[in-house]
Protein backbone atom coordinates (compact mmCIF):
# COMPACT_ATOMS: atom_id res chain seq x y z
CA UNK A 1 -74.43 255.15 66.01
CA UNK A 2 -74.50 258.92 66.75
CA UNK A 3 -73.28 260.76 69.88
CA UNK A 4 -74.34 263.95 71.30
CA UNK A 5 -72.81 265.70 74.31
CA UNK A 6 -74.37 268.59 76.12
CA UNK A 7 -72.70 270.48 79.02
CA UNK A 8 -69.15 270.26 80.19
CA UNK A 9 -67.76 267.87 77.55
CA UNK A 10 -64.51 267.38 79.57
CA UNK A 11 -66.43 265.43 82.15
CA UNK A 12 -67.20 262.64 79.68
CA UNK A 13 -63.50 261.76 79.79
CA UNK A 14 -63.39 261.54 83.63
CA UNK A 15 -61.90 258.30 84.92
CA UNK A 16 -63.19 256.45 87.96
CA UNK A 17 -60.15 254.43 88.91
CA UNK A 18 -61.18 254.19 92.53
CA UNK A 19 -64.57 254.57 94.37
CA UNK A 20 -67.74 252.75 94.03
CA UNK A 21 -69.43 251.09 91.07
CA UNK A 22 -72.99 249.99 91.66
CA UNK A 23 -75.54 248.29 89.28
CA UNK A 24 -79.23 248.59 89.83
CA UNK A 25 -81.07 245.92 87.96
CA UNK A 26 -84.60 245.05 87.18
CA UNK A 27 -85.85 241.96 89.05
CA UNK A 28 -88.09 240.83 91.79
CA UNK A 29 -87.57 243.97 93.80
CA UNK A 30 -88.98 246.06 90.95
CA UNK A 31 -86.44 248.86 90.71
CA UNK A 32 -88.13 251.99 91.90
CA UNK A 33 -87.91 255.34 93.67
CA UNK A 34 -87.05 253.81 97.10
CA UNK A 35 -83.82 252.54 95.54
CA UNK A 36 -82.71 256.04 94.68
CA UNK A 37 -82.72 257.23 98.29
CA UNK A 38 -81.04 254.15 99.53
CA UNK A 39 -78.34 254.08 96.91
CA UNK A 40 -77.59 257.91 97.17
CA UNK A 41 -77.36 257.54 101.02
CA UNK A 42 -74.88 254.71 100.59
CA UNK A 43 -72.78 256.74 98.13
CA UNK A 44 -72.85 259.88 100.33
CA UNK A 45 -71.78 257.93 103.46
CA UNK A 46 -69.05 256.11 101.59
CA UNK A 47 -67.62 259.13 99.81
CA UNK A 48 -67.85 261.46 102.74
CA UNK A 49 -66.16 258.99 105.11
CA UNK A 50 -62.64 260.36 104.75
CA UNK A 51 -63.95 263.83 105.93
CA UNK A 52 -65.28 262.64 109.27
CA UNK A 53 -62.54 264.43 111.24
CA UNK A 54 -64.50 267.61 110.94
CA UNK A 55 -68.32 267.18 111.81
CA UNK A 56 -69.35 270.30 109.96
CA UNK A 57 -67.29 269.45 106.79
CA UNK A 58 -68.47 265.83 106.84
CA UNK A 59 -72.08 266.93 107.22
CA UNK A 60 -71.84 269.45 104.34
CA UNK A 61 -70.00 267.08 101.99
CA UNK A 62 -72.45 264.23 102.89
CA UNK A 63 -75.39 266.41 102.15
CA UNK A 64 -74.06 267.79 98.88
CA UNK A 65 -73.05 264.26 97.63
CA UNK A 66 -76.34 262.72 98.69
CA UNK A 67 -78.38 265.43 96.98
CA UNK A 68 -76.56 265.26 93.72
CA UNK A 69 -76.53 261.43 93.71
CA UNK A 70 -80.27 261.29 94.48
CA UNK A 71 -81.21 263.67 91.77
CA UNK A 72 -79.22 261.75 89.11
CA UNK A 73 -80.46 258.34 90.28
CA UNK A 74 -84.01 259.41 90.51
CA UNK A 75 -83.96 260.79 87.08
CA UNK A 76 -82.43 257.57 85.85
CA UNK A 77 -85.14 255.43 87.50
CA UNK A 78 -88.02 257.68 86.42
CA UNK A 79 -87.19 257.98 82.75
CA UNK A 80 -85.29 254.66 81.97
CA UNK A 81 -86.15 251.87 79.66
CA UNK A 82 -86.03 248.46 81.23
CA UNK A 83 -82.52 247.39 82.05
CA UNK A 84 -79.65 248.25 84.23
CA UNK A 85 -78.55 251.55 85.75
CA UNK A 86 -74.86 251.76 86.34
CA UNK A 87 -73.56 254.19 88.84
CA UNK A 88 -69.87 255.03 89.34
CA UNK A 89 -68.56 257.58 91.96
CA UNK A 90 -65.36 258.69 93.41
CA UNK A 91 -63.60 261.48 95.33
CA UNK A 92 -60.47 262.83 93.55
CA UNK A 93 -58.54 265.34 95.55
CA UNK A 94 -61.28 267.99 96.42
CA UNK A 95 -63.89 266.90 93.78
CA UNK A 96 -66.66 264.39 93.98
CA UNK A 97 -67.45 262.80 90.60
CA UNK A 98 -70.47 260.67 89.69
CA UNK A 99 -71.56 258.93 86.53
CA UNK A 100 -74.96 257.43 85.89
CA UNK A 101 -75.66 255.34 82.75
CA UNK A 102 -79.12 254.09 81.67
CA UNK A 103 -81.19 253.70 78.56
CA UNK A 104 -84.13 255.97 77.49
CA UNK A 105 -86.43 255.91 74.61
CA UNK A 106 -85.90 258.21 71.56
CA UNK A 107 -88.91 260.48 72.46
CA UNK A 108 -87.45 261.13 75.96
CA UNK A 109 -84.04 261.77 74.50
CA UNK A 110 -85.29 264.43 72.16
CA UNK A 111 -87.40 266.09 74.90
CA UNK A 112 -84.44 265.92 77.36
CA UNK A 113 -81.94 267.35 74.92
CA UNK A 114 -84.19 270.26 74.19
CA UNK A 115 -84.74 270.98 77.89
CA UNK A 116 -80.97 270.75 78.56
CA UNK A 117 -80.12 273.09 75.59
CA UNK A 118 -82.52 275.74 77.06
CA UNK A 119 -81.05 275.29 80.53
CA UNK A 120 -77.51 275.52 79.48
CA UNK A 121 -78.13 278.60 77.35
CA UNK A 122 -79.45 280.64 80.26
CA UNK A 123 -78.48 281.64 83.78
CA UNK A 124 -79.35 278.70 86.11
CA UNK A 125 -80.24 281.02 88.97
CA UNK A 126 -82.73 282.99 86.86
CA UNK A 127 -84.23 279.76 85.49
CA UNK A 128 -84.52 278.31 88.94
CA UNK A 129 -86.45 281.35 90.24
CA UNK A 130 -88.69 281.23 87.10
CA UNK A 131 -89.40 277.59 87.54
CA UNK A 132 -90.11 277.92 91.27
CA UNK A 133 -92.59 280.70 90.46
CA UNK A 134 -94.17 278.76 87.56
CA UNK A 135 -94.53 275.70 89.79
CA UNK A 136 -96.19 277.79 92.52
CA UNK A 137 -98.57 279.37 90.15
CA UNK A 138 -99.70 276.02 88.56
CA UNK A 139 -99.51 273.96 91.76
CA UNK A 140 -96.97 271.73 89.96
CA UNK A 141 -95.10 268.92 91.76
CA UNK A 142 -91.85 270.68 91.49
CA UNK A 143 -90.80 269.05 88.21
CA UNK A 144 -87.60 270.57 86.70
CA UNK A 145 -86.19 271.88 89.96
CA UNK A 146 -83.65 269.18 90.74
CA UNK A 147 -81.16 269.90 87.84
CA UNK A 148 -81.58 273.62 88.10
CA UNK A 149 -80.89 273.48 91.91
CA UNK A 150 -77.69 271.53 91.28
CA UNK A 151 -76.54 274.05 88.69
CA UNK A 152 -77.58 277.12 90.57
CA UNK A 153 -77.12 276.40 94.26
CA UNK A 154 -74.50 273.63 94.24
CA UNK A 155 -72.34 274.81 91.30
CA UNK A 156 -72.40 271.36 89.92
CA UNK A 157 -70.59 270.85 86.64
CA UNK A 158 -72.53 268.51 84.45
CA UNK A 159 -72.36 266.64 81.06
CA UNK A 160 -74.94 264.50 79.24
CA UNK A 161 -73.98 262.03 76.59
CA UNK A 162 -76.70 260.64 74.25
CA UNK A 163 -75.60 257.69 72.25
CA UNK A 164 -78.14 256.14 69.73
CA UNK A 165 -77.93 252.70 68.43
CA UNK A 166 -80.46 252.83 65.61
CA UNK A 167 -83.19 251.33 67.81
CA UNK A 168 -85.69 253.25 69.91
CA UNK A 169 -83.21 253.26 72.74
CA UNK A 170 -80.65 255.85 73.62
CA UNK A 171 -77.84 255.29 76.07
CA UNK A 172 -77.81 258.28 78.41
CA UNK A 173 -74.60 258.84 80.43
CA UNK A 174 -74.80 261.71 82.94
CA UNK A 175 -71.59 262.81 84.55
CA UNK A 176 -71.42 265.49 87.26
CA UNK A 177 -68.69 266.92 89.61
CA UNK A 178 -68.98 268.94 92.76
CA UNK A 179 -66.02 270.88 94.31
CA UNK A 180 -65.72 269.79 97.87
CA UNK A 181 -64.91 272.39 100.55
CA UNK A 182 -61.22 272.37 101.42
CA UNK A 183 -61.61 273.83 104.89
CA UNK A 184 -64.27 273.80 107.57
CA UNK A 185 -65.37 276.55 110.12
CA UNK A 186 -65.62 273.78 112.81
């Protein structure tokens, strides 16, 4: 077994002692895109609950957590091999943490690691602008914008851990954190 970590390696050590742990499984509901939105909405509502005293702060935190969660869960659903997707999330002091684990095939792993290495070696704001322009010029569907938006506009800290087992399957663990606003203008 080999392991490769890209991004903020300290995040791979994050502990989720309290919060939510959800498992999305294959089955009669055919795990798909609609589950991403429902699951990320649930996570956002649950994790933002303690900030409800300030409507503005709650709305901002809810939106940020929902966006981050949805991007990670959508990617897990879109690129996964059949099997479970495990999602852990929590709020620790003024930080939201989320970890999404799923399996991908070796070819997807190699392509994704190459993409991440390019993303992490450059300024995310510049890459986001270039990707928006490239997508507009080619009438593309917006592919590649989610992670760049998280890095550029949300200042998300992210880590990706790829663990091979010798088969054509790679366990991908994506961990991300968002700083939550300490105060509100409300």
